[in-house]
Amino acid sequence: MDHEAAFTKAFIRSEKRARFLQTLADPKKRKEGLERMSHALPYMPDFALSVPGDQDFPDELEKLLRAKGAGPTCHVIADGLKADGRLLPLREALNLICLHEYGAILSCIPGRLAYYKPESPNPGIILERPQS
């Protein structure tokens, strides 16, 4: 399943889903949409868990995500990174976005597990849906 579509369906509020997905799919609008995502992602809070500050670093995040079932790679959705739209090794993606000052999403398991890093200095958020 497409990571971006699965992420949107699973974690974005219903009234924002269609526009969010259209924005990601349109190369001309994607940059603008990613800039908005940096400040405020319209995610569903029922599936969100704030990451404690002492765990919001690549090593600890990798442990948290792996414990929740993340595999060796993830799909990157990121404002201002060349890695946007690519599948990367989880560790490499975490290193990239933790040093990045703008927002990013790592889709680890399509529609089930993701990590959202808002614009700095806000804490990261794990988005997780139970397997049905």
N, C-alpha and C. Protein backbone atom coordinates (compact mmCIF):
# COMPACT_ATOMS: atom_id res chain seq x y z
N MET A 1 0.84 -1.19 0.00
CA MET A 1 0.00 0.00 0.00
C MET A 1 0.88 1.24 0.00
N ASP A 2 0.44 2.26 -0.69
CA ASP A 2 1.15 3.52 -0.74
C ASP A 2 1.26 4.12 0.66
N HIS A 3 2.47 4.41 1.11
CA HIS A 3 2.69 4.95 2.45
C HIS A 3 1.93 6.24 2.69
N GLU A 4 1.96 7.16 1.73
CA GLU A 4 1.35 8.47 1.95
C GLU A 4 -0.17 8.37 2.03
N ALA A 5 -0.77 7.56 1.20
CA ALA A 5 -2.22 7.37 1.24
C ALA A 5 -2.62 6.65 2.53
N ALA A 6 -1.87 5.63 2.90
CA ALA A 6 -2.17 4.88 4.13
C ALA A 6 -2.00 5.76 5.36
N PHE A 7 -0.94 6.57 5.39
CA PHE A 7 -0.73 7.48 6.51
C PHE A 7 -1.90 8.45 6.64
N THR A 8 -2.28 9.04 5.51
CA THR A 8 -3.37 10.02 5.51
C THR A 8 -4.67 9.40 6.00
N LYS A 9 -5.01 8.24 5.48
CA LYS A 9 -6.25 7.57 5.87
C LYS A 9 -6.26 7.21 7.36
N ALA A 10 -5.12 6.79 7.87
CA ALA A 10 -5.04 6.31 9.26
C ALA A 10 -4.93 7.42 10.29
N PHE A 11 -4.24 8.51 9.95
CA PHE A 11 -3.89 9.47 11.00
C PHE A 11 -4.36 10.91 10.81
N ILE A 12 -4.79 11.28 9.63
CA ILE A 12 -5.22 12.67 9.39
C ILE A 12 -6.72 12.77 9.64
N ARG A 13 -7.13 13.86 10.30
CA ARG A 13 -8.56 14.06 10.58
C ARG A 13 -9.37 13.99 9.29
N SER A 14 -10.54 13.39 9.37
CA SER A 14 -11.35 13.11 8.19
C SER A 14 -11.64 14.33 7.34
N GLU A 15 -11.89 15.46 7.96
CA GLU A 15 -12.22 16.67 7.18
C GLU A 15 -11.01 17.25 6.45
N LYS A 16 -9.82 16.79 6.75
CA LYS A 16 -8.59 17.29 6.12
C LYS A 16 -7.95 16.28 5.18
N ARG A 17 -8.42 15.04 5.18
CA ARG A 17 -7.76 13.97 4.44
C ARG A 17 -7.63 14.22 2.94
N ALA A 18 -8.73 14.52 2.30
CA ALA A 18 -8.71 14.67 0.83
C ALA A 18 -7.74 15.76 0.42
N ARG A 19 -7.80 16.89 1.08
CA ARG A 19 -6.92 18.00 0.71
C ARG A 19 -5.45 17.66 1.00
N PHE A 20 -5.21 17.03 2.14
CA PHE A 20 -3.84 16.66 2.51
C PHE A 20 -3.24 15.74 1.45
N LEU A 21 -4.00 14.73 1.06
CA LEU A 21 -3.51 13.77 0.07
C LEU A 21 -3.34 14.42 -1.30
N GLN A 22 -4.27 15.26 -1.71
CA GLN A 22 -4.15 15.98 -2.99
C GLN A 22 -2.91 16.86 -3.00
N THR A 23 -2.65 17.51 -1.89
CA THR A 23 -1.48 18.39 -1.80
C THR A 23 -0.19 17.59 -1.92
N LEU A 24 -0.12 16.45 -1.26
CA LEU A 24 1.09 15.62 -1.36
C LEU A 24 1.29 15.08 -2.77
N ALA A 25 0.19 14.78 -3.45
CA ALA A 25 0.26 14.18 -4.78
C ALA A 25 0.61 15.18 -5.89
N ASP A 26 0.40 16.46 -5.64
CA ASP A 26 0.63 17.49 -6.66
C ASP A 26 2.01 18.12 -6.44
N PRO A 27 2.96 17.87 -7.36
CA PRO A 27 4.31 18.40 -7.17
C PRO A 27 4.35 19.93 -6.99
N LYS A 28 3.41 20.63 -7.60
CA LYS A 28 3.39 22.09 -7.47
C LYS A 28 2.91 22.54 -6.09
N LYS A 29 2.06 21.75 -5.45
CA LYS A 29 1.51 22.12 -4.15
C LYS A 29 2.20 21.44 -2.97
N ARG A 30 3.01 20.42 -3.26
CA ARG A 30 3.61 19.62 -2.20
C ARG A 30 4.47 20.47 -1.25
N LYS A 31 5.31 21.33 -1.79
CA LYS A 31 6.18 22.14 -0.94
C LYS A 31 5.36 23.00 0.03
N GLU A 32 4.33 23.63 -0.47
CA GLU A 32 3.46 24.46 0.37
C GLU A 32 2.79 23.61 1.45
N GLY A 33 2.31 22.44 1.06
CA GLY A 33 1.67 21.54 2.01
C GLY A 33 2.63 21.06 3.08
N LEU A 34 3.86 20.77 2.69
CA LEU A 34 4.87 20.32 3.66
C LEU A 34 5.24 21.44 4.62
N GLU A 35 5.26 22.67 4.13
CA GLU A 35 5.54 23.80 5.02
C GLU A 35 4.44 23.93 6.07
N ARG A 36 3.18 23.77 5.67
CA ARG A 36 2.07 23.82 6.64
C ARG A 36 2.18 22.68 7.65
N MET A 37 2.55 21.50 7.16
CA MET A 37 2.69 20.33 8.02
C MET A 37 3.74 20.57 9.11
N SER A 38 4.77 21.34 8.79
CA SER A 38 5.82 21.62 9.77
C SER A 38 5.26 22.29 11.01
N HIS A 39 4.29 23.15 10.80
CA HIS A 39 3.72 23.92 11.92
C HIS A 39 2.58 23.19 12.62
N ALA A 40 1.73 22.55 11.84
CA ALA A 40 0.55 21.92 12.44
C ALA A 40 0.04 20.82 11.52
N LEU A 41 0.22 19.61 11.92
CA LEU A 41 -0.30 18.46 11.19
C LEU A 41 -1.68 18.13 11.77
N PRO A 42 -2.72 18.05 10.95
CA PRO A 42 -4.07 17.78 11.47
C PRO A 42 -4.28 16.30 11.79
N TYR A 43 -3.48 15.78 12.70
CA TYR A 43 -3.56 14.36 13.05
C TYR A 43 -4.67 14.12 14.08
N MET A 44 -5.06 12.87 14.19
CA MET A 44 -6.09 12.48 15.17
C MET A 44 -5.39 12.19 16.51
N PRO A 45 -5.69 12.98 17.52
CA PRO A 45 -4.99 12.83 18.80
C PRO A 45 -5.19 11.48 19.49
N ASP A 46 -6.27 10.77 19.15
CA ASP A 46 -6.51 9.46 19.77
C ASP A 46 -5.42 8.45 19.45
N PHE A 47 -4.68 8.69 18.38
CA PHE A 47 -3.65 7.75 17.95
C PHE A 47 -2.24 8.30 18.17
N ALA A 48 -2.13 9.36 18.96
CA ALA A 48 -0.86 10.07 19.13
C ALA A 48 -0.29 9.89 20.54
N LEU A 49 1.01 9.75 20.60
CA LEU A 49 1.74 9.65 21.86
C LEU A 49 2.95 10.56 21.77
N SER A 50 3.01 11.58 22.64
CA SER A 50 4.18 12.47 22.65
C SER A 50 5.40 11.70 23.12
N VAL A 51 6.50 11.96 22.49
CA VAL A 51 7.75 11.31 22.86
C VAL A 51 8.43 12.15 23.95
N PRO A 52 8.75 11.55 25.09
CA PRO A 52 9.45 12.30 26.13
C PRO A 52 10.76 12.88 25.60
N GLY A 53 11.11 14.06 26.06
CA GLY A 53 12.30 14.76 25.57
C GLY A 53 13.58 13.95 25.60
N ASP A 54 13.75 13.11 26.63
CA ASP A 54 14.98 12.32 26.73
C ASP A 54 15.00 11.14 25.76
N GLN A 55 13.86 10.89 25.08
CA GLN A 55 13.80 9.80 24.11
C GLN A 55 13.65 10.32 22.68
N ASP A 56 13.63 11.61 22.50
CA ASP A 56 13.41 12.21 21.18
C ASP A 56 14.73 12.43 20.44
N PHE A 57 15.51 11.36 20.35
CA PHE A 57 16.80 11.34 19.67
C PHE A 57 16.89 10.06 18.86
N PRO A 58 17.69 10.03 17.80
CA PRO A 58 17.71 8.87 16.90
C PRO A 58 17.82 7.50 17.58
N ASP A 59 18.76 7.32 18.48
CA ASP A 59 18.94 6.01 19.11
C ASP A 59 17.69 5.55 19.85
N GLU A 60 17.16 6.44 20.69
CA GLU A 60 16.00 6.09 21.49
C GLU A 60 14.74 5.94 20.63
N LEU A 61 14.58 6.82 19.65
CA LEU A 61 13.43 6.72 18.75
C LEU A 61 13.45 5.40 17.98
N GLU A 62 14.62 5.02 17.53
CA GLU A 62 14.71 3.75 16.80
C GLU A 62 14.27 2.60 17.70
N LYS A 63 14.70 2.60 18.96
CA LYS A 63 14.29 1.55 19.89
C LYS A 63 12.77 1.56 20.08
N LEU A 64 12.19 2.75 20.29
CA LEU A 64 10.74 2.87 20.48
C LEU A 64 9.98 2.36 19.26
N LEU A 65 10.38 2.80 18.08
CA LEU A 65 9.69 2.42 16.86
C LEU A 65 9.84 0.93 16.55
N ARG A 66 11.04 0.41 16.77
CA ARG A 66 11.26 -1.03 16.54
C ARG A 66 10.43 -1.88 17.50
N ALA A 67 10.33 -1.41 18.76
CA ALA A 67 9.52 -2.14 19.75
C ALA A 67 8.05 -2.17 19.34
N LYS A 68 7.63 -1.20 18.55
CA LYS A 68 6.25 -1.14 18.08
C LYS A 68 6.07 -1.81 16.71
N GLY A 69 7.13 -2.42 16.20
CA GLY A 69 7.02 -3.20 14.98
C GLY A 69 7.66 -2.59 13.73
N ALA A 70 8.31 -1.45 13.84
CA ALA A 70 8.95 -0.83 12.67
C ALA A 70 10.02 -1.76 12.11
N GLY A 71 10.11 -1.77 10.81
CA GLY A 71 11.12 -2.58 10.13
C GLY A 71 12.37 -1.77 9.86
N PRO A 72 13.21 -2.26 8.97
CA PRO A 72 14.50 -1.60 8.71
C PRO A 72 14.40 -0.32 7.87
N THR A 73 13.24 -0.11 7.19
CA THR A 73 13.11 1.07 6.34
C THR A 73 11.83 1.83 6.68
N CYS A 74 11.77 3.07 6.19
CA CYS A 74 10.57 3.90 6.37
C CYS A 74 10.46 4.86 5.19
N HIS A 75 9.26 5.36 4.99
CA HIS A 75 8.99 6.32 3.92
C HIS A 75 9.07 7.72 4.53
N VAL A 76 9.80 8.62 3.90
CA VAL A 76 10.02 9.96 4.41
C VAL A 76 9.09 10.96 3.72
N ILE A 77 8.42 11.78 4.53
CA ILE A 77 7.63 12.91 4.05
C ILE A 77 8.20 14.10 4.80
N ALA A 78 8.94 14.96 4.12
CA ALA A 78 9.68 15.99 4.86
C ALA A 78 9.80 17.30 4.11
N ASP A 79 9.55 18.37 4.81
CA ASP A 79 9.71 19.72 4.30
C ASP A 79 11.20 20.05 4.21
N GLY A 80 11.66 20.37 3.01
CA GLY A 80 13.02 20.85 2.84
C GLY A 80 14.12 19.80 2.83
N LEU A 81 13.80 18.55 2.66
CA LEU A 81 14.83 17.50 2.58
C LEU A 81 14.76 16.82 1.22
N LYS A 82 15.91 16.51 0.66
CA LYS A 82 15.95 15.78 -0.62
C LYS A 82 15.40 14.37 -0.46
N ALA A 83 15.37 13.88 0.76
CA ALA A 83 14.86 12.53 1.03
C ALA A 83 13.33 12.46 0.98
N ASP A 84 12.65 13.60 0.84
CA ASP A 84 11.20 13.62 0.80
C ASP A 84 10.69 12.67 -0.30
N GLY A 85 9.73 11.82 0.08
CA GLY A 85 9.12 10.91 -0.87
C GLY A 85 9.90 9.64 -1.11
N ARG A 86 10.98 9.43 -0.36
CA ARG A 86 11.83 8.26 -0.58
C ARG A 86 11.73 7.27 0.57
N LEU A 87 12.08 6.04 0.27
CA LEU A 87 12.21 4.99 1.27
C LEU A 87 13.67 4.97 1.70
N LEU A 88 13.90 5.08 3.00
CA LEU A 88 15.27 5.10 3.54
C LEU A 88 15.39 4.12 4.70
N PRO A 89 16.61 3.70 5.01
CA PRO A 89 16.81 2.94 6.24
C PRO A 89 16.32 3.78 7.42
N LEU A 90 15.65 3.14 8.37
CA LEU A 90 15.07 3.84 9.51
C LEU A 90 16.10 4.70 10.23
N ARG A 91 17.27 4.14 10.52
CA ARG A 91 18.29 4.89 11.26
C ARG A 91 18.72 6.13 10.48
N GLU A 92 18.95 6.00 9.19
CA GLU A 92 19.36 7.13 8.35
C GLU A 92 18.29 8.22 8.36
N ALA A 93 17.03 7.81 8.23
CA ALA A 93 15.92 8.77 8.22
C ALA A 93 15.81 9.49 9.57
N LEU A 94 15.95 8.76 10.66
CA LEU A 94 15.90 9.39 11.99
C LEU A 94 17.04 10.39 12.17
N ASN A 95 18.24 10.02 11.74
CA ASN A 95 19.36 10.95 11.84
C ASN A 95 19.09 12.23 11.04
N LEU A 96 18.52 12.07 9.85
CA LEU A 96 18.22 13.23 9.00
C LEU A 96 17.19 14.15 9.65
N ILE A 97 16.08 13.59 10.08
CA ILE A 97 15.00 14.47 10.55
C ILE A 97 15.24 15.02 11.95
N CYS A 98 15.99 14.31 12.78
CA CYS A 98 16.26 14.83 14.12
C CYS A 98 17.16 16.06 14.07
N LEU A 99 17.98 16.15 13.05
CA LEU A 99 18.86 17.32 12.88
C LEU A 99 18.19 18.41 12.05
N HIS A 100 17.07 18.09 11.44
CA HIS A 100 16.36 19.00 10.55
C HIS A 100 15.43 19.91 11.37
N GLU A 101 15.44 21.20 11.09
CA GLU A 101 14.64 22.11 11.90
C GLU A 101 13.17 22.17 11.49
N TYR A 102 12.82 21.62 10.34
CA TYR A 102 11.44 21.66 9.86
C TYR A 102 10.74 20.33 10.09
N GLY A 103 9.46 20.30 9.81
CA GLY A 103 8.65 19.12 10.07
C GLY A 103 8.94 17.95 9.15
N ALA A 104 8.65 16.76 9.66
CA ALA A 104 8.85 15.53 8.89
C ALA A 104 7.99 14.42 9.46
N ILE A 105 7.66 13.49 8.59
CA ILE A 105 6.92 12.29 8.97
C ILE A 105 7.72 11.10 8.46
N LEU A 106 7.84 10.09 9.30
CA LEU A 106 8.41 8.82 8.87
C LEU A 106 7.29 7.80 8.97
N SER A 107 6.87 7.24 7.85
CA SER A 107 5.86 6.20 7.83
C SER A 107 6.60 4.87 7.92
N CYS A 108 6.46 4.21 9.06
CA CYS A 108 7.20 2.97 9.31
C CYS A 108 6.42 1.73 8.87
N ILE A 109 5.15 1.69 9.19
CA ILE A 109 4.26 0.62 8.75
C ILE A 109 3.04 1.33 8.15
N PRO A 110 2.80 1.17 6.86
CA PRO A 110 1.71 1.92 6.22
C PRO A 110 0.38 1.80 6.97
N GLY A 111 -0.14 2.96 7.40
CA GLY A 111 -1.43 3.00 8.07
C GLY A 111 -1.45 2.50 9.49
N ARG A 112 -0.29 2.12 10.03
CA ARG A 112 -0.24 1.59 11.39
C ARG A 112 0.74 2.29 12.31
N LEU A 113 1.90 2.71 11.80
CA LEU A 113 2.91 3.29 12.67
C LEU A 113 3.70 4.36 11.93
N ALA A 114 3.79 5.53 12.57
CA ALA A 114 4.55 6.64 11.99
C ALA A 114 5.12 7.50 13.11
N TYR A 115 6.10 8.28 12.75
CA TYR A 115 6.69 9.25 13.67
C TYR A 115 6.57 10.62 13.02
N TYR A 116 6.01 11.57 13.75
CA TYR A 116 5.87 12.95 13.27
C TYR A 116 6.78 13.85 14.11
N LYS A 117 7.67 14.54 13.41
CA LYS A 117 8.54 15.52 14.06
C LYS A 117 8.09 16.89 13.59
N PRO A 118 7.41 17.65 14.49
CA PRO A 118 7.01 18.99 14.09
C PRO A 118 8.23 19.91 14.01
N GLU A 119 8.01 21.10 13.55
CA GLU A 119 9.08 22.09 13.49
C GLU A 119 9.71 22.24 14.87
N SER A 120 11.02 22.40 14.92
CA SER A 120 11.74 22.55 16.19
C SER A 120 11.24 23.81 16.89
N PRO A 121 11.19 23.81 18.19
CA PRO A 121 11.67 22.84 19.18
C PRO A 121 10.59 21.93 19.73
N ASN A 122 9.49 21.74 19.05
CA ASN A 122 8.39 20.92 19.55
C ASN A 122 8.76 19.44 19.61
N PRO A 123 8.22 18.73 20.62
CA PRO A 123 8.55 17.30 20.76
C PRO A 123 7.92 16.45 19.66
N GLY A 124 8.53 15.33 19.38
CA GLY A 124 8.01 14.40 18.39
C GLY A 124 6.81 13.63 18.88
N ILE A 125 6.10 13.04 17.94
CA ILE A 125 4.87 12.32 18.25
C ILE A 125 4.88 10.99 17.49
N ILE A 126 4.61 9.91 18.22
CA ILE A 126 4.43 8.61 17.59
C ILE A 126 2.94 8.46 17.30
N LEU A 127 2.63 8.12 16.07
CA LEU A 127 1.25 7.87 15.66
C LEU A 127 1.12 6.38 15.42
N GLU A 128 0.17 5.78 16.15
CA GLU A 128 0.04 4.32 16.07
C GLU A 128 -1.42 3.91 16.11
N ARG A 129 -1.78 3.04 15.18
CA ARG A 129 -3.13 2.44 15.16
C ARG A 129 -2.97 0.96 15.45
N PRO A 130 -3.82 0.44 16.31
CA PRO A 130 -3.74 -0.99 16.57
C PRO A 130 -4.09 -1.80 15.32
N GLN A 131 -3.48 -2.95 15.21
CA GLN A 131 -3.74 -3.82 14.07
C GLN A 131 -5.16 -4.38 14.21
N SER A 132 -5.94 -4.29 13.11
CA SER A 132 -7.31 -4.79 13.22
C SER A 132 -7.44 -6.19 12.72
